């Protein structure tokens, strides 16, 4: 009887010890959600991040990536960060701007002179200050910026000048600043969720949409649009954001490891997108799509008049500081 009690006590003690050490040694899987296709560099580079994070944290953390709106549309996954239903997301600057207006400035049309201006902005003290403002407002943490590409208009009629967009029903993401460029050119901006755009174009719900060339290819918009008009109206980027609940559960060393891995992931996707943009003009032409070079100056001139108007979510000083970056 005593032997039985002793064995039971030892078993209970061993079980308690196992339970005590389990949380420290168990792997935590971070959920990374986004709205892009599994074939795109944003996704493939993110998938590769899991092994890097496991190695950097001695198997304490891994990442599972959920593409193509499988955990919700962009609005949903932004909300999910604070709720802890997702841990990491890619999101557009204008969606992040709903929580902290000034961070949206980098996603406004014709805000940058060229790629170099954008690249210097993302590495600037101004961007660091804006990212901190977003963290203060939300509790979530921006780690990285990934180049998304220059956004161009696709349509079923040629667009060579701003007047050609008058009355055009153009799909835009559901964030107010995406409507600035259509408004400036007399078009009719129509918010539609990203996952529903192909069908909306196919059925004629809208006449046009706007996205970078790699996205136009990945989402097959060229199948239902005759013209790609190289307006380059937004030099766009995705923010990689870690939710407050996930970030705050990590110690400083694991936070640093995660930030480094996410920065490397941003560089991975950025490099591939830059190369893809260079290659795709000819690829689309080979598919029989009309790819049109346009004079961007009139489009830029019309849009810049609205930069600090009623839709601006930044102050004049922030705008001036961004424009002053050389």
Protein backbone atom coordinates (compact mmCIF):
# COMPACT_ATOMS: atom_id res chain seq x y z
CA UNK A 1 0.00 0.00 0.00
CA UNK A 2 2.80 2.40 0.98
CA UNK A 3 4.64 1.49 -2.24
CA UNK A 4 1.55 2.24 -4.31
CA UNK A 5 1.11 5.62 -2.60
CA UNK A 6 4.78 6.44 -3.12
CA UNK A 7 4.61 5.60 -6.82
CA UNK A 8 1.45 7.68 -7.19
CA UNK A 9 3.11 10.61 -5.45
CA UNK A 10 6.18 10.33 -7.69
CA UNK A 11 3.99 10.18 -10.80
CA UNK A 12 2.02 13.22 -9.70
CA UNK A 13 5.25 15.08 -8.98
CA UNK A 14 6.65 14.20 -12.41
CA UNK A 15 3.44 15.30 -14.11
CA UNK A 16 3.48 18.59 -12.24
CA UNK A 17 7.12 19.14 -13.20
CA UNK A 18 6.32 18.42 -16.84
CA UNK A 19 3.42 20.87 -16.80
CA UNK A 20 5.59 23.49 -15.18
CA UNK A 21 8.29 23.39 -17.84
CA UNK A 22 5.99 22.86 -20.82
CA UNK A 23 5.11 26.52 -21.56
CA UNK A 24 8.79 27.52 -21.64
CA UNK A 25 9.78 24.78 -24.08
CA UNK A 26 6.63 24.51 -26.22
CA UNK A 27 6.67 26.08 -29.65
CA UNK A 28 4.30 29.03 -30.18
CA UNK A 29 2.98 29.34 -33.73
CA UNK A 30 2.30 32.91 -34.83
CA UNK A 31 -0.57 33.35 -37.32
CA UNK A 32 0.41 35.60 -40.25
CA UNK A 33 -2.61 36.68 -42.33
CA UNK A 34 -2.81 38.55 -45.62
CA UNK A 35 -5.06 39.00 -48.66
CA UNK A 36 -2.57 38.10 -51.42
CA UNK A 37 -2.23 34.94 -53.49
CA UNK A 38 -0.05 32.01 -52.41
CA UNK A 39 1.96 32.43 -55.62
CA UNK A 40 3.07 35.98 -54.78
CA UNK A 41 6.44 36.89 -53.20
CA UNK A 42 4.74 38.35 -50.14
CA UNK A 43 3.49 34.87 -49.32
CA UNK A 44 6.43 32.71 -50.40
CA UNK A 45 8.92 34.93 -48.55
CA UNK A 46 6.68 34.87 -45.45
CA UNK A 47 6.49 31.06 -45.51
CA UNK A 48 10.29 30.90 -45.57
CA UNK A 49 10.38 33.12 -42.47
CA UNK A 50 9.11 30.35 -40.21
CA UNK A 51 12.27 28.25 -40.30
CA UNK A 52 14.38 31.38 -39.79
CA UNK A 53 12.37 32.34 -36.72
CA UNK A 54 12.53 28.83 -35.30
CA UNK A 55 16.31 28.85 -35.64
CA UNK A 56 16.65 32.33 -34.16
CA UNK A 57 14.46 31.54 -31.13
CA UNK A 58 15.64 27.96 -30.50
CA UNK A 59 12.26 26.59 -31.61
CA UNK A 60 10.26 28.80 -29.26
CA UNK A 61 8.41 30.45 -32.16
CA UNK A 62 7.30 29.48 -35.65
CA UNK A 63 4.99 31.10 -38.19
CA UNK A 64 1.99 29.80 -40.12
CA UNK A 65 0.95 31.97 -43.06
CA UNK A 66 -2.68 32.32 -44.19
CA UNK A 67 -2.99 33.79 -47.72
CA UNK A 68 -5.82 34.98 -49.96
CA UNK A 69 -8.13 36.44 -47.27
CA UNK A 70 -8.50 33.03 -45.64
CA UNK A 71 -8.61 34.65 -42.18
CA UNK A 72 -10.66 37.64 -43.32
CA UNK A 73 -10.61 40.69 -45.54
CA UNK A 74 -8.12 43.48 -44.91
CA UNK A 75 -10.38 45.32 -42.48
CA UNK A 76 -10.92 42.08 -40.54
CA UNK A 77 -7.25 41.19 -40.15
CA UNK A 78 -6.40 44.72 -39.03
CA UNK A 79 -9.02 44.41 -36.30
CA UNK A 80 -7.76 40.91 -35.47
CA UNK A 81 -4.33 42.20 -34.43
CA UNK A 82 -5.58 43.78 -31.24
CA UNK A 83 -7.95 40.89 -30.53
CA UNK A 84 -5.18 38.32 -30.86
CA UNK A 85 -7.05 36.34 -33.53
CA UNK A 86 -4.09 37.03 -35.85
CA UNK A 87 -0.53 37.80 -34.76
CA UNK A 88 1.12 39.27 -37.87
CA UNK A 89 -0.36 40.88 -40.97
CA UNK A 90 0.59 42.56 -44.19
CA UNK A 91 -1.57 45.62 -44.69
CA UNK A 92 -1.70 48.74 -46.81
CA UNK A 93 -0.69 52.04 -45.26
CA UNK A 94 -4.17 53.45 -45.82
CA UNK A 95 -5.75 50.66 -43.78
CA UNK A 96 -3.27 51.27 -40.95
CA UNK A 97 -4.17 54.95 -41.31
CA UNK A 98 -7.67 54.23 -40.08
CA UNK A 99 -6.17 53.73 -36.64
CA UNK A 100 -3.51 56.46 -36.91
CA UNK A 101 -4.07 58.91 -39.74
CA UNK A 102 -0.53 60.21 -40.39
CA UNK A 103 0.88 56.74 -41.24
CA UNK A 104 -1.32 56.76 -44.36
CA UNK A 105 0.68 59.54 -46.02
CA UNK A 106 3.02 57.03 -47.71
CA UNK A 107 0.08 55.49 -49.56
CA UNK A 108 -1.32 58.70 -51.02
CA UNK A 109 -1.18 59.17 -54.81
CA UNK A 110 1.84 60.95 -56.29
CA UNK A 111 3.27 61.49 -52.79
CA UNK A 112 6.72 60.38 -53.97
CA UNK A 113 8.78 61.72 -56.83
CA UNK A 114 10.19 58.28 -57.67
CA UNK A 115 11.31 54.97 -56.16
CA UNK A 116 14.42 56.52 -54.61
CA UNK A 117 12.32 59.09 -52.75
CA UNK A 118 10.10 56.29 -51.41
CA UNK A 119 13.10 54.16 -50.42
CA UNK A 120 14.64 57.02 -48.45
CA UNK A 121 11.31 57.75 -46.76
CA UNK A 122 10.90 54.18 -45.47
CA UNK A 123 14.34 54.38 -43.86
CA UNK A 124 13.86 57.92 -42.53
CA UNK A 125 13.44 59.33 -39.04
CA UNK A 126 10.08 60.64 -40.21
CA UNK A 127 8.83 57.11 -40.87
CA UNK A 128 10.18 55.91 -37.50
CA UNK A 129 8.25 58.71 -35.79
CA UNK A 130 5.06 57.82 -37.68
CA UNK A 131 5.47 54.12 -36.83
CA UNK A 132 5.85 55.03 -33.16
CA UNK A 133 2.71 57.14 -33.38
CA UNK A 134 0.86 54.13 -34.78
CA UNK A 135 2.14 51.95 -31.90
CA UNK A 136 1.08 54.55 -29.33
CA UNK A 137 -2.40 54.68 -30.87
CA UNK A 138 -2.96 50.93 -31.30
CA UNK A 139 -0.51 48.94 -29.18
CA UNK A 140 0.54 47.12 -32.36
CA UNK A 141 4.09 47.18 -33.70
CA UNK A 142 5.17 48.00 -37.28
CA UNK A 143 8.34 46.04 -38.01
CA UNK A 144 8.92 46.32 -41.75
CA UNK A 145 7.99 47.94 -45.06
CA UNK A 146 7.72 45.90 -48.25
CA UNK A 147 7.60 47.45 -51.73
CA UNK A 148 4.23 46.65 -53.28
CA UNK A 149 4.87 48.28 -56.64
CA UNK A 150 3.65 51.20 -58.67
CA UNK A 151 -0.13 51.14 -59.02
CA UNK A 152 -1.52 51.40 -62.54
CA UNK A 153 -5.05 51.64 -63.92
CA UNK A 154 -6.47 48.74 -65.94
CA UNK A 155 -9.57 49.41 -68.02
CA UNK A 156 -11.64 48.43 -71.01
CA UNK A 157 -10.89 51.70 -72.80
CA UNK A 158 -7.56 53.46 -73.37
CA UNK A 159 -6.54 56.06 -70.79
CA UNK A 160 -3.91 58.55 -71.94
CA UNK A 161 -4.85 61.72 -70.03
CA UNK A 162 -6.86 62.63 -66.91
CA UNK A 163 -9.91 63.56 -68.97
CA UNK A 164 -10.15 59.95 -70.20
CA UNK A 165 -11.04 58.90 -66.65
CA UNK A 166 -14.08 61.19 -66.38
CA UNK A 167 -17.05 59.15 -65.17
CA UNK A 168 -15.05 55.91 -65.15
CA UNK A 169 -16.35 53.51 -62.49
CA UNK A 170 -13.08 52.32 -60.93
CA UNK A 171 -12.67 49.81 -58.13
CA UNK A 172 -10.50 50.99 -55.25
CA UNK A 173 -9.70 49.40 -51.87
CA UNK A 174 -12.03 50.38 -49.05
CA UNK A 175 -9.91 53.20 -47.63
CA UNK A 176 -10.70 56.89 -48.28
CA UNK A 177 -7.29 57.97 -49.59
CA UNK A 178 -7.48 55.48 -52.45
CA UNK A 179 -10.29 57.69 -53.73
CA UNK A 180 -8.05 60.78 -54.04
CA UNK A 181 -6.64 59.90 -57.47
CA UNK A 182 -10.03 58.98 -59.02
CA UNK A 183 -11.57 62.15 -57.57
CA UNK A 184 -8.75 64.28 -58.99
CA UNK A 185 -9.36 62.87 -62.47
CA UNK A 186 -13.17 62.93 -62.41
CA UNK A 187 -13.60 59.16 -62.07
CA UNK A 188 -16.13 57.41 -59.85
CA UNK A 189 -14.27 55.44 -57.10
CA UNK A 190 -16.06 52.25 -56.03
CA UNK A 191 -14.77 50.34 -52.97
CA UNK A 192 -14.89 46.56 -53.44
CA UNK A 193 -13.11 43.91 -51.35
CA UNK A 194 -9.94 42.60 -52.97
CA UNK A 195 -11.18 39.01 -53.22
CA UNK A 196 -14.23 40.17 -55.22
CA UNK A 197 -12.51 42.38 -57.82
CA UNK A 198 -12.11 39.82 -60.64
CA UNK A 199 -15.82 39.00 -60.62
CA UNK A 200 -16.77 42.69 -60.43
CA UNK A 201 -14.67 43.39 -63.54
CA UNK A 202 -15.96 40.31 -65.34
CA UNK A 203 -19.59 41.21 -64.67
CA UNK A 204 -19.14 44.90 -65.50
CA UNK A 205 -19.96 46.09 -61.98
CA UNK A 206 -16.95 48.39 -62.44
CA UNK A 207 -15.10 49.49 -65.59
CA UNK A 208 -11.59 49.59 -64.20
CA UNK A 209 -9.33 48.87 -61.22
CA UNK A 210 -5.83 49.87 -60.13
CA UNK A 211 -2.96 47.74 -58.82
CA UNK A 212 0.73 47.03 -59.47
CA UNK A 213 1.71 44.80 -62.39
CA UNK A 214 2.60 41.74 -60.24
CA UNK A 215 -0.85 41.88 -58.62
CA UNK A 216 -2.59 42.36 -61.98
CA UNK A 217 -0.84 39.17 -63.10
CA UNK A 218 -1.40 37.16 -59.91
CA UNK A 219 -5.11 38.02 -59.71
CA UNK A 220 -5.52 37.57 -63.50
CA UNK A 221 -7.18 40.96 -63.94
CA UNK A 222 -5.67 41.15 -67.43
CA UNK A 223 -8.10 38.38 -68.47
CA UNK A 224 -11.04 40.77 -67.99
CA UNK A 225 -9.41 44.12 -68.86
CA UNK A 226 -8.12 45.10 -72.30
CA UNK A 227 -5.75 47.93 -71.34
CA UNK A 228 -3.05 48.46 -68.73
CA UNK A 229 -2.41 52.19 -68.48
CA UNK A 230 0.95 52.90 -66.79
CA UNK A 231 -0.23 55.78 -64.59
CA UNK A 232 2.11 54.86 -61.71
CA UNK A 233 -0.07 57.01 -59.49
CA UNK A 234 0.94 55.40 -56.18
CA UNK A 235 4.35 54.06 -55.18
CA UNK A 236 2.79 51.60 -52.80
CA UNK A 237 4.02 49.54 -49.88
CA UNK A 238 2.81 46.99 -47.38
CA UNK A 239 3.41 47.33 -43.67
CA UNK A 240 4.26 44.23 -41.68
CA UNK A 241 2.58 44.64 -38.30
CA UNK A 242 2.79 42.44 -35.21
CA UNK A 243 -0.22 42.60 -32.90
CA UNK A 244 0.23 43.94 -29.41
CA UNK A 245 -0.85 40.72 -27.64
CA UNK A 246 1.71 38.63 -29.56
CA UNK A 247 4.50 41.22 -29.32
CA UNK A 248 4.07 41.81 -25.60
CA UNK A 249 4.15 38.06 -24.87
CA UNK A 250 7.70 37.84 -26.24
CA UNK A 251 10.86 38.69 -24.35
CA UNK A 252 13.22 41.34 -25.75
CA UNK A 253 15.54 38.81 -27.42
CA UNK A 254 12.69 37.07 -29.23
CA UNK A 255 11.21 40.43 -30.26
CA UNK A 256 14.56 41.37 -31.81
CA UNK A 257 14.78 38.01 -33.55
CA UNK A 258 11.27 38.38 -34.97
CA UNK A 259 11.94 41.94 -36.15
CA UNK A 260 15.13 40.84 -37.93
CA UNK A 261 13.37 37.93 -39.65
CA UNK A 262 10.48 40.17 -40.75
CA UNK A 263 12.91 42.77 -42.13
CA UNK A 264 14.65 40.03 -44.13
CA UNK A 265 11.24 38.87 -45.38
CA UNK A 266 10.43 42.42 -46.54
CA UNK A 267 13.75 42.58 -48.42
CA UNK A 268 13.05 39.18 -50.00
CA UNK A 269 9.66 40.25 -51.39
CA UNK A 270 10.81 43.77 -52.33
CA UNK A 271 13.63 42.43 -54.51
CA UNK A 272 11.31 40.03 -56.31
CA UNK A 273 8.65 42.68 -56.91
CA UNK A 274 11.20 45.09 -58.39
CA UNK A 275 12.39 42.40 -60.81
CA UNK A 276 8.84 41.34 -61.61
CA UNK A 277 7.85 44.90 -62.54
CA UNK A 278 10.77 45.04 -64.98
CA UNK A 279 9.76 41.79 -66.66
CA UNK A 280 5.98 42.08 -66.76
CA UNK A 281 5.42 44.84 -69.34
CA UNK A 282 6.63 42.53 -72.10
CA UNK A 283 4.85 39.54 -70.54
CA UNK A 284 1.50 41.35 -70.70
CA UNK A 285 2.16 42.41 -74.27
CA UNK A 286 2.83 38.77 -75.12
CA UNK A 287 -0.64 37.94 -73.72
CA UNK A 288 -2.17 40.42 -76.15
CA UNK A 289 -2.87 43.12 -73.57
CA UNK A 290 -2.50 46.76 -74.62
CA UNK A 291 0.14 48.21 -72.27
CA UNK A 292 0.10 52.00 -72.59
CA UNK A 293 2.82 54.46 -71.59
CA UNK A 294 1.21 57.70 -70.42
CA UNK A 295 2.50 61.16 -69.61
CA UNK A 296 2.16 61.14 -65.82
CA UNK A 297 2.72 64.88 -65.37
CA UNK A 298 -0.93 65.95 -65.93
CA UNK A 299 -2.17 63.18 -63.61
CA UNK A 300 0.33 64.24 -60.95
CA UNK A 301 -0.54 67.92 -61.30
CA UNK A 302 -4.27 67.25 -60.89
CA UNK A 303 -3.73 65.03 -57.84
CA UNK A 304 -1.22 67.15 -55.92
CA UNK A 305 -3.87 69.87 -55.56
CA UNK A 306 -5.70 67.49 -53.20
CA UNK A 307 -2.70 66.42 -51.11
CA UNK A 308 -3.51 68.66 -48.16
CA UNK A 309 -7.24 68.91 -48.74
CA UNK A 310 -10.16 67.42 -46.86
CA UNK A 311 -9.01 63.81 -47.31
CA UNK A 312 -5.54 64.40 -45.83
CA UNK A 313 -4.98 62.55 -42.57
CA UNK A 314 -1.63 64.27 -41.85
CA UNK A 315 -0.63 67.81 -40.97
CA UNK A 316 1.27 70.26 -43.15
CA UNK A 317 4.53 69.74 -41.23
CA UNK A 318 4.50 65.98 -41.86
CA UNK A 319 3.82 66.60 -45.55
CA UNK A 320 6.60 69.17 -45.83
CA UNK A 321 9.06 66.87 -44.03
CA UNK A 322 8.28 64.04 -46.45
CA UNK A 323 8.65 66.24 -49.50
CA UNK A 324 11.97 67.56 -48.17
CA UNK A 325 13.56 64.09 -48.07
CA UNK A 326 16.37 64.01 -50.66
